[in-house]
Amino acid sequence: MHLLAVQADTLRTLGPPMVLRRFQAEWDTRCAGESTDVSRTVAVGPQGRHGLADLVLRERRVTTHSWMDGVTCRDQDTPVEGERHVLRFDGRRYAVPEALQPL
């Protein structure tokens, strides 16, 4: 996701891109393996010192473990509340932690 602002007749970028959804998996092509699904939501926080509101990102992770049980593929999900990030506008842009930026 890119944060943009309209200034005069142009769009201005307010920081580097952020990743709001990431899925990665490793499995044996039949059933057994693990996957991790990370999703982030963005909420508008209180007004910041430089005119634009803080942005609050909340993360949720679900790790799934799959295995063969006889001829049946079984899954076990483990949801975990992830990190919470507060992005503040410094007058020019939002500082986005490296962990939230694309590779």
C-alpha atoms as a PDB file:
ATOM      1  CA  MET A   1       0.000   0.000   0.000  1.00  0.00           C
ATOM      2  CA  HIS A   2       1.207   3.498  -0.808  1.00  0.00           C
ATOM      3  CA  LEU A   3       0.249   6.540   1.251  1.00  0.00           C
ATOM      4  CA  LEU A   4      -0.555   9.511  -0.984  1.00  0.00           C
ATOM      5  CA  ALA A   5      -1.791  13.068  -0.475  1.00  0.00           C
ATOM      6  CA  VAL A   6      -3.272  15.512  -2.943  1.00  0.00           C
ATOM      7  CA  GLN A   7      -1.367  18.801  -2.968  1.00  0.00           C
ATOM      8  CA  ALA A   8      -2.423  21.434  -5.453  1.00  0.00           C
ATOM      9  CA  ASP A   9      -2.882  19.409  -8.666  1.00  0.00           C
ATOM     10  CA  THR A  10      -0.439  16.577  -7.900  1.00  0.00           C
ATOM     11  CA  LEU A  11      -0.194  13.429  -5.795  1.00  0.00           C
ATOM     12  CA  ARG A  12       2.592  13.358  -3.236  1.00  0.00           C
ATOM     13  CA  THR A  13       3.984  10.136  -1.756  1.00  0.00           C
ATOM     14  CA  LEU A  14       3.959  10.192   2.052  1.00  0.00           C
ATOM     15  CA  GLY A  15       6.336   7.304   2.667  1.00  0.00           C
ATOM     16  CA  PRO A  16       7.628   4.013   1.316  1.00  0.00           C
ATOM     17  CA  PRO A  17       5.179   1.243   0.354  1.00  0.00           C
ATOM     18  CA  MET A  18       3.853  -1.058   3.083  1.00  0.00           C
ATOM     19  CA  VAL A  19       2.921  -4.732   2.975  1.00  0.00           C
ATOM     20  CA  LEU A  20      -0.552  -5.356   4.413  1.00  0.00           C
ATOM     21  CA  ARG A  21      -0.867  -9.041   3.475  1.00  0.00           C
ATOM     22  CA  ARG A  22       1.772 -11.761   3.191  1.00  0.00           C
ATOM     23  CA  PHE A  23       1.395 -15.512   2.755  1.00  0.00           C
ATOM     24  CA  GLN A  24       4.223 -18.014   2.703  1.00  0.00           C
ATOM     25  CA  ALA A  25       4.110 -21.791   2.733  1.00  0.00           C
ATOM     26  CA  GLU A  26       6.242 -24.872   2.481  1.00  0.00           C
ATOM     27  CA  TRP A  27       4.745 -28.305   1.881  1.00  0.00           C
ATOM     28  CA  ASP A  28       5.467 -31.671   0.286  1.00  0.00           C
ATOM     29  CA  THR A  29       2.968 -31.123  -2.625  1.00  0.00           C
ATOM     30  CA  ARG A  30       0.518 -33.627  -1.131  1.00  0.00           C
ATOM     31  CA  CYS A  31      -0.449 -32.391   2.331  1.00  0.00           C
ATOM     32  CA  ALA A  32       2.324 -32.106   4.912  1.00  0.00           C
ATOM     33  CA  GLY A  33       3.785 -28.689   5.592  1.00  0.00           C
ATOM     34  CA  GLU A  34       3.397 -25.312   7.225  1.00  0.00           C
ATOM     35  CA  SER A  35       2.107 -21.928   6.163  1.00  0.00           C
ATOM     36  CA  THR A  36       1.973 -18.466   7.677  1.00  0.00           C
ATOM     37  CA  ASP A  37      -0.645 -15.880   6.745  1.00  0.00           C
ATOM     38  CA  VAL A  38      -0.002 -12.324   7.987  1.00  0.00           C
ATOM     39  CA  SER A  39      -2.640  -9.619   7.604  1.00  0.00           C
ATOM     40  CA  ARG A  40      -2.500  -6.034   8.827  1.00  0.00           C
ATOM     41  CA  THR A  41      -5.261  -3.486   9.304  1.00  0.00           C
ATOM     42  CA  VAL A  42      -4.790   0.279   9.279  1.00  0.00           C
ATOM     43  CA  ALA A  43      -6.729   2.627  11.553  1.00  0.00           C
ATOM     44  CA  VAL A  44      -6.524   6.394  11.796  1.00  0.00           C
ATOM     45  CA  GLY A  45      -5.275   7.482  15.187  1.00  0.00           C
ATOM     46  CA  PRO A  46      -5.168  10.875  16.869  1.00  0.00           C
ATOM     47  CA  GLN A  47      -4.043  14.051  15.106  1.00  0.00           C
ATOM     48  CA  GLY A  48      -0.261  14.249  15.054  1.00  0.00           C
ATOM     49  CA  ARG A  49       1.964  17.254  15.729  1.00  0.00           C
ATOM     50  CA  HIS A  50       2.576  17.947  12.024  1.00  0.00           C
ATOM     51  CA  GLY A  51      -1.024  18.114  10.811  1.00  0.00           C
ATOM     52  CA  LEU A  52      -1.683  14.513   9.753  1.00  0.00           C
ATOM     53  CA  ALA A  53      -3.063  11.808  12.032  1.00  0.00           C
ATOM     54  CA  ASP A  54      -1.047   8.884  13.307  1.00  0.00           C
ATOM     55  CA  LEU A  55      -1.722   5.572  11.575  1.00  0.00           C
ATOM     56  CA  VAL A  56      -2.119   2.462  13.738  1.00  0.00           C
ATOM     57  CA  LEU A  57      -1.299  -0.892  12.123  1.00  0.00           C
ATOM     58  CA  ARG A  58      -2.400  -4.085  13.864  1.00  0.00           C
ATOM     59  CA  GLU A  59      -1.100  -7.431  12.754  1.00  0.00           C
ATOM     60  CA  ARG A  60      -2.641 -10.893  12.931  1.00  0.00           C
ATOM     61  CA  ARG A  61      -0.737 -14.074  12.096  1.00  0.00           C
ATOM     62  CA  VAL A  62      -2.156 -17.531  11.487  1.00  0.00           C
ATOM     63  CA  THR A  63       0.263 -20.424  11.274  1.00  0.00           C
ATOM     64  CA  THR A  64      -1.169 -23.622   9.809  1.00  0.00           C
ATOM     65  CA  HIS A  65       0.455 -27.021  10.277  1.00  0.00           C
ATOM     66  CA  SER A  66      -0.765 -29.765   7.903  1.00  0.00           C
ATOM     67  CA  TRP A  67      -0.102 -33.504   8.082  1.00  0.00           C
ATOM     68  CA  MET A  68      -1.408 -36.802   6.727  1.00  0.00           C
ATOM     69  CA  ASP A  69      -3.570 -38.832   9.096  1.00  0.00           C
ATOM     70  CA  GLY A  70      -4.010 -42.103   7.219  1.00  0.00           C
ATOM     71  CA  VAL A  71      -5.574 -41.000   3.924  1.00  0.00           C
ATOM     72  CA  THR A  72      -6.936 -37.720   5.348  1.00  0.00           C
ATOM     73  CA  CYS A  73      -5.115 -34.389   5.278  1.00  0.00           C
ATOM     74  CA  ARG A  74      -5.414 -32.623   8.659  1.00  0.00           C
ATOM     75  CA  ASP A  75      -4.785 -28.941   9.441  1.00  0.00           C
ATOM     76  CA  GLN A  76      -4.212 -27.155  12.719  1.00  0.00           C
ATOM     77  CA  ASP A  77      -4.400 -23.345  12.754  1.00  0.00           C
ATOM     78  CA  THR A  78      -2.657 -21.310  15.416  1.00  0.00           C
ATOM     79  CA  PRO A  79      -3.767 -17.666  15.375  1.00  0.00           C
ATOM     80  CA  VAL A  80      -1.512 -15.137  17.101  1.00  0.00           C
ATOM     81  CA  GLU A  81      -2.058 -11.443  17.613  1.00  0.00           C
ATOM     82  CA  GLY A  82       1.024  -9.881  16.096  1.00  0.00           C
ATOM     83  CA  GLU A  83       2.732  -6.589  16.541  1.00  0.00           C
ATOM     84  CA  ARG A  84       1.152  -3.163  16.704  1.00  0.00           C
ATOM     85  CA  HIS A  85       2.870  -0.293  14.900  1.00  0.00           C
ATOM     86  CA  VAL A  86       2.145   3.424  15.149  1.00  0.00           C
ATOM     87  CA  LEU A  87       3.257   5.440  12.134  1.00  0.00           C
ATOM     88  CA  ARG A  88       3.783   9.137  12.768  1.00  0.00           C
ATOM     89  CA  PHE A  89       3.976  11.893  10.182  1.00  0.00           C
ATOM     90  CA  ASP A  90       7.161  13.951  10.648  1.00  0.00           C
ATOM     91  CA  GLY A  91       6.096  16.894   8.503  1.00  0.00           C
ATOM     92  CA  ARG A  92       7.307  15.311   5.232  1.00  0.00           C
ATOM     93  CA  ARG A  93       6.442  11.625   5.378  1.00  0.00           C
ATOM     94  CA  TYR A  94       5.399   8.685   7.536  1.00  0.00           C
ATOM     95  CA  ALA A  95       8.301   6.658   8.916  1.00  0.00           C
ATOM     96  CA  VAL A  96       7.584   3.024   7.959  1.00  0.00           C
ATOM     97  CA  PRO A  97       9.628   0.322   9.775  1.00  0.00           C
ATOM     98  CA  GLU A  98      11.628  -1.990   7.517  1.00  0.00           C
ATOM     99  CA  ALA A  99       9.590  -4.969   8.764  1.00  0.00           C
ATOM    100  CA  LEU A 100       6.514  -3.502   7.026  1.00  0.00           C
ATOM    101  CA  GLN A 101       8.226  -2.686   3.730  1.00  0.00           C
ATOM    102  CA  PRO A 102       8.336  -5.043   0.738  1.00  0.00           C
ATOM    103  CA  LEU A 103      11.507  -7.061   0.148  1.00  0.00           C
END
